[in-house]
Protein backbone atom coordinates (compact mmCIF):
# COMPACT_ATOMS: atom_id res chain seq x y z
CA MET A 1 5.59 -1.90 6.70
CA ARG A 2 2.62 0.16 7.06
CA VAL A 3 4.21 3.81 5.97
CA LEU A 4 2.33 6.54 5.74
CA VAL A 5 2.54 9.70 3.94
CA VAL A 6 1.70 13.14 4.72
CA GLY A 7 1.72 15.51 2.01
CA GLY A 8 0.02 15.43 -1.94
CA GLY A 9 3.12 17.12 -3.39
CA GLY A 10 5.44 15.93 -6.42
CA ARG A 11 7.66 15.64 -3.71
CA GLU A 12 5.31 13.34 -2.30
CA HIS A 13 4.78 11.19 -5.18
CA ALA A 14 8.61 10.75 -5.81
CA LEU A 15 8.57 9.54 -1.80
CA VAL A 16 5.36 7.54 -2.51
CA HIS A 17 6.47 5.81 -5.55
CA ALA A 18 10.87 4.95 -3.80
CA PHE A 19 8.67 3.56 -0.79
CA CYS A 20 5.97 1.35 -3.44
CA ALA A 21 9.30 -0.36 -5.10
CA SER A 22 10.64 -1.30 -1.28
CA PRO A 23 10.32 -4.89 -0.40
CA LEU A 24 10.17 -4.03 3.22
CA ALA A 25 6.48 -2.39 2.24
CA THR A 26 3.23 -3.92 2.60
CA GLN A 27 0.82 -1.27 2.34
CA VAL A 28 1.26 2.35 1.67
CA PHE A 29 -1.26 4.95 2.88
CA CYS A 30 -0.75 8.66 1.67
CA ALA A 31 -2.71 11.67 3.08
CA PRO A 32 -4.14 13.67 0.96
CA GLY A 33 -2.41 12.03 -2.31
CA ASN A 34 -3.58 13.09 -5.70
CA ALA A 35 -3.86 11.64 -8.84
CA GLY A 36 -1.18 10.03 -9.43
CA ILE A 37 -0.40 9.23 -5.80
CA ASP A 38 -3.69 7.52 -5.45
CA GLN A 39 -2.64 4.83 -8.78
CA GLU A 40 0.32 3.99 -6.88
CA ALA A 41 -1.04 4.24 -2.91
CA GLU A 42 -3.93 4.00 -0.95
CA PRO A 43 -5.45 7.43 -0.73
CA VAL A 44 -6.70 9.03 2.64
CA ALA A 45 -8.80 12.08 2.92
CA LEU A 46 -6.81 14.01 5.63
CA GLU A 47 -5.14 17.19 4.89
CA GLY A 48 -1.36 17.59 6.47
CA ASP A 49 -2.86 20.48 9.29
CA ASP A 50 -5.73 17.87 10.35
CA LEU A 51 -2.93 16.64 13.15
CA ALA A 52 -5.83 14.88 15.12
CA GLY A 53 -6.80 13.10 12.58
CA LEU A 54 -3.65 12.19 11.05
CA LEU A 55 -3.01 10.44 14.65
CA SER A 56 -6.01 8.94 15.09
CA PHE A 57 -5.39 7.30 11.87
CA ALA A 58 -2.75 5.98 12.04
CA LYS A 59 -2.91 4.28 15.52
CA ARG A 60 -6.59 2.75 13.98
CA GLU A 61 -4.54 1.40 10.70
CA LYS A 62 -1.39 0.68 13.03
CA ILE A 63 1.49 2.69 10.88
CA ASP A 64 4.79 1.84 11.41
CA LEU A 65 6.40 4.74 10.06
CA THR A 66 4.63 7.27 9.34
CA VAL A 67 7.02 10.43 6.49
CA VAL A 68 6.47 14.00 6.54
CA GLY A 69 6.71 15.79 3.43
CA PRO A 70 5.83 19.48 4.04
CA GLU A 71 6.99 21.60 6.42
CA ALA A 72 3.79 22.94 7.99
CA PRO A 73 2.75 19.76 9.72
CA LEU A 74 6.75 19.68 11.44
CA VAL A 75 6.63 23.02 12.07
CA ALA A 76 2.73 22.34 14.34
CA GLY A 77 4.50 19.59 16.00
CA ILE A 78 3.24 16.61 14.17
CA ALA A 79 6.41 14.59 14.79
CA ASP A 80 6.54 15.72 18.73
CA LEU A 81 2.68 14.50 18.64
CA PHE A 82 3.33 11.10 17.22
CA ALA A 83 6.21 10.28 19.41
CA GLU A 84 4.35 11.06 22.22
CA ASN A 85 1.83 8.44 20.88
CA GLY A 86 4.02 5.65 20.67
CA LEU A 87 4.40 6.13 16.76
CA LEU A 88 7.09 6.35 15.28
CA VAL A 89 7.66 9.92 12.40
CA PHE A 90 10.74 10.74 9.88
CA GLY A 91 11.04 13.79 10.46
CA PRO A 92 11.67 16.55 13.41
CA THR A 93 10.20 17.67 16.38
CA ARG A 94 8.76 21.37 16.54
CA GLU A 95 11.97 23.06 18.62
CA ALA A 96 14.55 20.84 15.70
CA ALA A 97 11.88 22.74 12.47
CA ARG A 98 12.19 25.99 13.81
CA LEU A 99 15.42 25.50 11.63
CA GLU A 100 12.64 25.95 8.46
CA GLY A 101 10.42 27.76 10.56
CA SER A 102 12.53 30.72 11.93
CA LYS A 103 15.04 31.61 10.41
CA ALA A 104 16.57 34.18 13.40
CA PHE A 105 16.43 30.27 15.40
CA ALA A 106 18.63 29.00 12.17
CA LYS A 107 21.03 31.83 11.86
CA GLU A 108 21.99 31.68 15.29
CA ILE A 109 21.69 28.03 15.55
CA MET A 110 24.55 28.57 12.71
CA SER A 111 26.59 31.12 14.56
CA GLU A 112 26.83 28.89 17.75
CA ALA A 113 27.89 26.21 14.99
CA HIS A 114 30.73 28.44 13.46
CA VAL A 115 28.82 27.82 9.93
CA ALA A 116 30.03 30.23 6.56
CA THR A 117 26.90 32.46 6.34
CA GLY A 118 25.83 36.11 5.32
CA ARG A 119 26.04 38.67 8.09
CA TYR A 120 22.55 39.97 9.03
CA ASP A 121 21.11 41.78 12.04
CA ARG A 122 17.63 41.21 13.12
CA HIS A 123 14.34 44.00 13.25
CA ASP A 124 11.43 43.08 15.43
CA ASP A 125 10.67 47.27 14.96
CA LEU A 126 10.05 48.75 12.43
CA ALA A 127 11.97 53.04 12.91
CA THR A 128 15.03 50.53 13.98
CA ALA A 129 15.05 48.29 11.58
CA LEU A 130 14.86 52.04 8.69
CA ARG A 131 17.64 53.10 10.74
CA ASP A 132 19.83 50.13 10.30
CA LEU A 133 19.46 50.71 5.93
CA ASP A 134 19.81 54.22 6.58
CA ALA A 135 22.78 53.33 7.77
CA ARG A 136 24.18 51.06 5.18
CA GLU A 137 25.86 52.09 1.91
CA SER A 138 26.24 48.23 0.45
CA TYR A 139 23.46 47.25 -1.56
CA PRO A 140 22.01 44.64 -2.62
CA LEU A 141 20.87 42.86 0.38
CA VAL A 142 17.95 40.91 1.27
CA VAL A 143 15.20 41.04 3.59
CA LYS A 144 13.23 37.90 4.56
CA ALA A 145 10.51 37.52 6.97
CA ASP A 146 11.46 35.64 9.86
CA GLY A 147 9.20 32.88 9.34
CA LEU A 148 6.88 30.47 7.00
CA ALA A 149 5.63 32.64 4.15
CA ALA A 150 4.63 29.83 1.56
CA GLY A 151 8.38 30.64 -0.37
CA LYS A 152 7.47 34.44 -0.62
CA GLY A 153 9.26 35.97 1.89
CA VAL A 154 12.49 36.37 0.49
CA LEU A 155 12.98 39.65 -1.13
CA ILE A 156 16.00 41.07 -2.77
CA CYS A 157 16.29 44.35 -2.50
CA ARG A 158 18.93 46.73 -5.39
CA ASP A 159 19.27 49.78 -3.42
CA ARG A 160 18.12 51.74 -0.52
CA ASP A 161 14.45 52.40 -1.62
CA GLU A 162 13.58 48.96 -2.02
CA ALA A 163 15.30 47.60 1.20
CA GLN A 164 12.63 50.41 3.29
CA ALA A 165 9.70 49.18 1.55
CA ALA A 166 10.93 45.70 1.80
CA VAL A 167 10.35 45.88 6.45
CA ARG A 168 7.88 48.15 5.51
CA LEU A 169 6.04 45.44 3.95
CA CYS A 170 6.83 42.97 6.58
CA LEU A 171 6.59 45.12 9.58
CA ALA A 172 4.19 47.41 9.32
CA ASP A 173 1.41 45.86 5.82
CA ARG A 174 1.99 42.31 7.74
CA ALA A 175 1.88 41.10 4.08
CA PHE A 176 3.20 37.43 5.48
CA GLY A 177 1.30 38.05 8.94
CA ASP A 178 3.30 36.56 11.82
CA ALA A 179 5.58 35.22 8.99
CA GLY A 180 7.08 38.99 9.19
CA ARG A 181 7.03 40.12 12.48
CA THR A 182 10.67 39.33 12.61
CA VAL A 183 12.42 40.74 9.94
CA LEU A 184 16.46 39.28 8.96
CA ILE A 185 18.51 42.02 7.11
CA GLU A 186 20.88 40.23 5.30
CA GLU A 187 24.11 40.15 3.57
CA PHE A 188 23.94 39.78 -0.28
CA LEU A 189 25.54 36.51 -1.28
CA SER A 190 26.44 36.29 -5.26
CA GLY A 191 27.66 32.87 -7.00
CA SER A 192 26.10 29.08 -7.89
CA GLU A 193 23.39 27.27 -5.76
CA VAL A 194 23.54 24.00 -4.75
CA SER A 195 20.33 21.94 -2.81
CA LEU A 196 22.62 19.28 -0.32
CA LEU A 197 19.95 17.21 1.38
CA ALA A 198 21.65 15.22 4.31
CA LEU A 199 19.72 12.25 5.98
CA CYS A 200 20.09 12.96 9.97
CA ASP A 201 19.36 10.82 13.04
CA GLY A 202 20.10 13.10 15.66
CA THR A 203 23.90 12.37 15.32
CA ARG A 204 25.10 11.40 12.59
CA VAL A 205 24.59 12.48 8.91
CA VAL A 206 24.39 10.90 5.80
CA ALA A 207 24.57 13.60 2.66
CA MET A 208 22.59 12.61 -0.74
CA ALA A 209 23.10 13.53 -4.17
CA PRO A 210 23.83 17.20 -4.48
CA ALA A 211 21.24 19.33 -7.17
CA GLN A 212 20.29 21.91 -8.62
CA ASP A 213 16.65 23.60 -9.11
CA TYR A 214 15.21 26.54 -11.64
CA LYS A 215 13.29 29.17 -9.31
CA ARG A 216 12.85 31.68 -11.78
CA ILE A 217 8.99 31.03 -14.57
CA PHE A 218 10.52 31.65 -17.24
CA THR A 219 13.33 30.13 -19.62
CA GLY A 220 16.33 32.12 -18.81
CA ASP A 221 15.96 33.09 -15.56
CA GLN A 222 13.21 35.44 -16.42
CA GLY A 223 9.99 36.75 -14.36
CA PRO A 224 9.17 36.55 -11.26
CA ASN A 225 10.52 33.06 -8.27
CA THR A 226 8.34 30.30 -7.74
CA GLY A 227 8.58 27.31 -5.87
CA GLY A 228 10.77 26.06 -9.01
CA MET A 229 10.30 24.69 -12.00
CA GLY A 230 12.83 22.11 -13.06
CA SER A 231 15.92 20.21 -11.43
CA TYR A 232 18.78 18.22 -12.07
CA CYS A 233 21.22 15.83 -10.54
CA PRO A 234 24.60 15.22 -10.16
CA VAL A 235 26.09 19.01 -10.01
CA PRO A 236 29.13 18.65 -12.00
CA GLY A 237 32.07 20.08 -10.25
CA PHE A 238 30.55 19.34 -6.92
CA ASP A 239 31.72 15.83 -6.29
CA ASP A 240 31.15 13.55 -3.02
CA GLU A 241 34.49 14.87 -1.43
CA VAL A 242 33.14 18.33 -1.80
CA ALA A 243 29.50 17.02 -0.37
CA GLU A 244 31.19 14.99 2.44
CA THR A 245 33.20 18.43 3.67
CA VAL A 246 29.78 20.20 3.82
CA ALA A 247 28.35 17.19 5.50
CA ASP A 248 31.28 18.15 8.66
CA GLU A 249 31.68 21.96 8.54
CA VAL A 250 27.77 22.12 8.47
CA PHE A 251 25.05 19.63 8.57
CA ARG A 252 27.46 17.56 12.18
CA PRO A 253 28.04 21.25 13.79
CA VAL A 254 24.57 22.22 13.60
CA LEU A 255 23.18 18.62 15.30
CA GLU A 256 25.96 19.63 18.02
CA ALA A 257 25.05 22.53 18.26
CA LEU A 258 20.78 21.37 18.43
CA ARG A 259 22.00 18.52 20.86
CA ARG A 260 23.72 21.71 23.37
CA ARG A 261 19.94 22.42 23.33
CA GLY A 262 18.60 18.75 24.57
CA VAL A 263 17.47 19.16 20.41
CA ASP A 264 17.45 15.64 18.53
CA TYR A 265 17.11 16.72 14.92
CA ARG A 266 15.93 13.19 13.13
CA GLY A 267 14.87 13.24 9.28
CA VAL A 268 16.31 15.08 6.57
CA LEU A 269 18.09 18.31 6.87
CA TYR A 270 18.18 20.39 3.70
CA GLY A 271 20.49 23.30 3.00
CA GLY A 272 20.87 25.77 0.42
CA LEU A 273 24.49 26.80 -0.29
CA ILE A 274 25.48 29.35 -2.38
CA VAL A 275 29.26 28.64 -3.69
CA THR A 276 30.96 31.99 -3.99
CA ASP A 277 34.63 32.68 -4.82
CA HIS A 278 34.83 32.52 -1.23
CA GLY A 279 33.79 29.01 -0.49
CA VAL A 280 30.93 27.34 0.47
CA LYS A 281 28.15 29.06 2.51
CA LEU A 282 24.51 28.02 4.24
CA LEU A 283 21.46 30.78 2.73
CA GLU A 284 18.71 29.17 4.76
CA PHE A 285 17.91 25.04 6.36
CA ASN A 286 14.89 23.51 5.27
CA CYS A 287 13.60 20.44 7.58
CA ARG A 288 11.99 18.31 5.03
CA PHE A 289 12.80 16.90 0.93
CA GLY A 290 12.93 19.76 -1.11
CA ASP A 291 10.56 20.29 -4.01
CA PRO A 292 11.79 19.61 -6.85
CA GLU A 293 14.53 18.80 -6.24
CA THR A 294 13.46 14.95 -4.65
CA GLN A 295 11.91 14.70 -8.24
CA ALA A 296 15.59 14.51 -9.91
CA ILE A 297 17.70 13.13 -7.01
CA LEU A 298 15.61 9.47 -5.86
CA PRO A 299 15.09 8.41 -9.72
CA ARG A 300 19.02 7.62 -9.66
CA LEU A 301 18.96 6.49 -6.20
CA ASP A 302 19.71 2.73 -5.96
CA SER A 303 19.58 1.91 -2.36
CA ASP A 304 15.84 0.96 -0.55
CA LEU A 305 14.72 4.73 1.14
CA LEU A 306 12.66 3.43 3.28
CA GLU A 307 14.94 1.54 4.89
CA ALA A 308 16.68 4.51 4.90
CA CYS A 309 13.60 6.54 6.33
CA LEU A 310 13.06 3.81 8.90
CA ALA A 311 17.22 3.81 9.57
CA THR A 312 16.95 7.82 10.85
CA ALA A 313 13.90 7.40 12.74
CA ARG A 314 15.23 4.68 14.74
CA GLY A 315 18.98 6.23 15.39
CA GLU A 316 20.95 3.60 13.46
CA LEU A 317 21.93 5.52 10.06
CA ASP A 318 25.20 4.00 11.01
CA ALA A 319 23.97 0.85 8.72
CA VAL A 320 23.21 3.31 6.04
CA ASP A 321 24.81 3.54 3.53
CA LEU A 322 23.46 5.35 -0.17
CA ARG A 323 24.49 4.04 -3.38
CA TRP A 324 23.64 5.70 -6.66
CA LYS A 325 22.89 4.64 -10.10
CA PRO A 326 25.86 5.95 -12.43
CA LYS A 327 23.37 8.48 -14.27
CA ALA A 328 22.36 11.72 -14.59
CA CYS A 329 18.97 12.80 -13.50
CA VAL A 330 16.68 15.46 -15.31
CA SER A 331 13.33 16.52 -13.81
CA VAL A 332 11.02 19.40 -15.75
CA VAL A 333 8.47 20.69 -13.96
CA MET A 334 4.61 21.48 -15.94
CA ALA A 335 2.84 23.97 -14.35
CA SER A 336 -0.49 25.24 -15.24
CA ARG A 337 -1.54 28.77 -16.23
CA GLY A 338 -1.01 31.94 -14.45
CA TYR A 339 1.53 30.56 -11.99
CA PRO A 340 3.09 31.75 -10.15
CA ALA A 341 0.91 34.67 -9.13
CA SER A 342 -2.81 32.25 -9.46
CA SER A 343 -2.89 28.95 -10.98
CA SER A 344 -6.26 27.26 -13.58
CA LYS A 345 -7.76 24.19 -11.97
CA GLY A 346 -9.57 22.19 -13.95
CA ASP A 347 -7.71 22.15 -17.38
CA VAL A 348 -8.07 17.91 -18.50
CA ILE A 349 -3.99 16.57 -18.92
CA SER A 350 -3.48 14.13 -22.28
CA GLY A 351 -0.18 11.89 -22.81
CA LEU A 352 0.18 10.35 -19.94
CA SER A 353 -0.01 7.23 -20.36
CA GLY A 354 2.28 7.47 -23.29
CA ALA A 355 4.90 10.13 -21.42
CA ALA A 356 5.51 7.24 -18.71
CA ALA A 357 6.09 3.98 -20.68
CA LEU A 358 8.38 5.67 -22.02
CA PRO A 359 11.77 4.59 -20.84
CA ASP A 360 14.20 5.70 -18.08
CA VAL A 361 11.45 8.29 -17.61
CA THR A 362 9.16 9.07 -14.46
CA ILE A 363 5.71 11.29 -14.30
CA TYR A 364 5.39 12.75 -10.60
CA HIS A 365 2.21 14.48 -10.55
CA ALA A 366 2.15 17.19 -8.33
CA ALA A 367 -1.14 19.07 -8.40
CA THR A 368 -3.31 16.71 -10.42
CA ALA A 369 -6.76 15.49 -9.62
CA ALA A 370 -9.44 12.86 -11.12
CA ARG A 371 -12.47 14.05 -12.74
CA GLY A 372 -14.39 11.05 -14.14
CA HIS A 373 -12.10 9.41 -16.30
CA ASP A 374 -10.17 12.25 -16.57
CA ILE A 375 -6.92 13.51 -14.85
CA VAL A 376 -7.10 17.46 -14.87
CA THR A 377 -4.60 19.94 -12.99
CA SER A 378 -5.71 20.90 -9.45
CA GLY A 379 -3.24 23.95 -8.91
CA GLY A 380 0.37 25.27 -10.20
CA ARG A 381 3.05 23.63 -10.27
CA VAL A 382 0.78 20.42 -11.46
CA LEU A 383 3.67 17.30 -13.22
CA ALA A 384 7.45 17.26 -13.06
CA VAL A 385 8.54 15.10 -16.03
CA SER A 386 11.95 12.59 -14.23
CA ALA A 387 14.37 11.27 -16.75
CA LEU A 388 17.73 9.44 -16.72
CA GLY A 389 20.66 8.97 -19.15
CA ALA A 390 23.71 7.92 -18.95
CA HIS A 391 24.97 12.06 -19.36
CA PHE A 392 23.10 15.03 -18.46
CA VAL A 393 21.97 14.77 -22.63
CA ASP A 394 20.87 12.20 -22.65
CA ALA A 395 18.51 12.43 -19.90
CA ARG A 396 17.23 15.94 -21.05
CA GLU A 397 16.84 14.41 -24.39
CA ARG A 398 14.18 11.97 -22.65
CA ALA A 399 12.71 14.68 -19.96
CA TYR A 400 12.16 16.96 -22.95
CA GLY A 401 10.52 14.27 -25.04
CA ALA A 402 8.01 13.00 -23.05
CA LEU A 403 6.91 16.75 -22.26
CA ALA A 404 6.09 17.26 -25.74
CA ARG A 405 3.81 14.25 -25.22
CA ILE A 406 2.19 15.99 -22.40
CA SER A 407 -0.37 18.18 -22.82
CA PHE A 408 -3.03 20.38 -20.99
CA ALA A 409 -4.24 24.34 -21.66
CA GLY A 410 -2.42 26.88 -20.60
CA MET A 411 1.13 24.60 -19.90
CA GLN A 412 4.21 26.23 -18.52
CA SER A 413 7.59 25.36 -19.07
CA ARG A 414 10.88 26.19 -18.84
CA SER A 415 12.87 25.18 -22.32
CA ASP A 416 16.92 25.28 -20.38
CA ILE A 417 16.71 23.15 -17.85
CA ALA A 418 19.97 21.39 -16.64
CA GLU A 419 21.29 23.23 -20.60
CA ARG A 420 24.29 24.44 -17.97
CA ALA A 421 24.80 20.90 -16.70
CA VAL A 422 25.28 19.67 -20.33
CA ARG A 423 27.69 22.12 -21.45
CA ALA A 424 29.52 21.63 -17.95
CA GLU A 425 29.75 18.33 -18.54
CA ALA A 426 31.03 18.01 -21.44
CA GLY A 427 33.62 20.93 -20.20
CA GLU A 428 32.58 23.93 -22.04
CA ILE A 429 31.91 25.75 -19.34
CA ALA A 430 32.38 25.59 -14.70
CA LEU A 431 29.74 25.83 -12.44
CA PHE A 432 32.11 27.43 -9.75
CA PRO A 433 34.68 29.40 -11.60
CA GLY A 434 36.74 31.33 -9.16
CA SER A 435 35.97 29.04 -6.31
CA PRO A 436 38.79 27.64 -4.04
CA ALA A 437 35.83 24.69 -2.20
CA VAL A 438 35.36 22.71 -5.48
């Protein structure tokens, strides 16, 4: 097979790395790639939003399967365009990708599918949104921009003043552009979050191993939110039985609700879950592999990912049975100076080869570029250091041991990734105290 991966971050490096290990792959391309991806796959100088260019390349190179990493090309309709031209794509159509592209649409589908989620109200008008807030007495609550806002459109508001400022930011100031033309005012749910990804071929669902990620920039969950500063897999206490229950009560009803609308969802569906005192509820959907969760999930996969993606795209998931290594994985993100408010570019990264040579360690590149003989930073989240271990304590020690060998100016990382998993595995804490679901 000739495979094209669209994207150039850490998630895409994890996908490329897995595909290159498949006996099905004869050649793997990646557009646009990065310095690490380019060492494993053939780079293609095309960005993910260049749908016409990607189509031309895929037709010319006779690509057998295109796997789309980021959400923006999916929301823009890359799967529709490729299908119209007889090309096979792992990724949902434009209409199916609205599950991520429009939070209001996702809530409509959740309601139709009777999925447990937070209560919400939708507003397109500032005055009505403010009147809604005036009538509310319970805080905190969440204000969400409806569309894609680069991870910045979800605002947790502790009181009415913060909530009013948030809706004004979206509807009056247009801080998120068209993504904020509609806002959701949503119930705040308290609990422990879990990321559950599942392969979906339109009718069937195969759940992957669950993961937990870390959003805040600083150790101890301090500082602003980021795209994710680390992750671990599996999640102690969230076992296969719970994952299958979620597949039955969330993923399968959602696919059925979409089918009733004539929408066929093929690709990976990412459920952002929260385990509350009243059970598991759905926060949001993403229509692609998560980042950084993928960098913690895929090292544990003992099946052929390319074979599974091909079966998903063909609607043949009944033949797929994912197998997992009986190990834990910890993945720690290394970010550049100034992230998440800004990023530093051009800083030379040292120690990569020594870290990558360690047993059970994989270094996934995200924002890296080649400059002569050097590899340098090219954005915010630069690398993810992933390590396997028989237990979380082993995996964590390996991940941080490898990270200690890598350096670049202004480097940022959290020192507490998977600490709670270590404690939960040792029986010191419960990740989901009081929940009837786990």
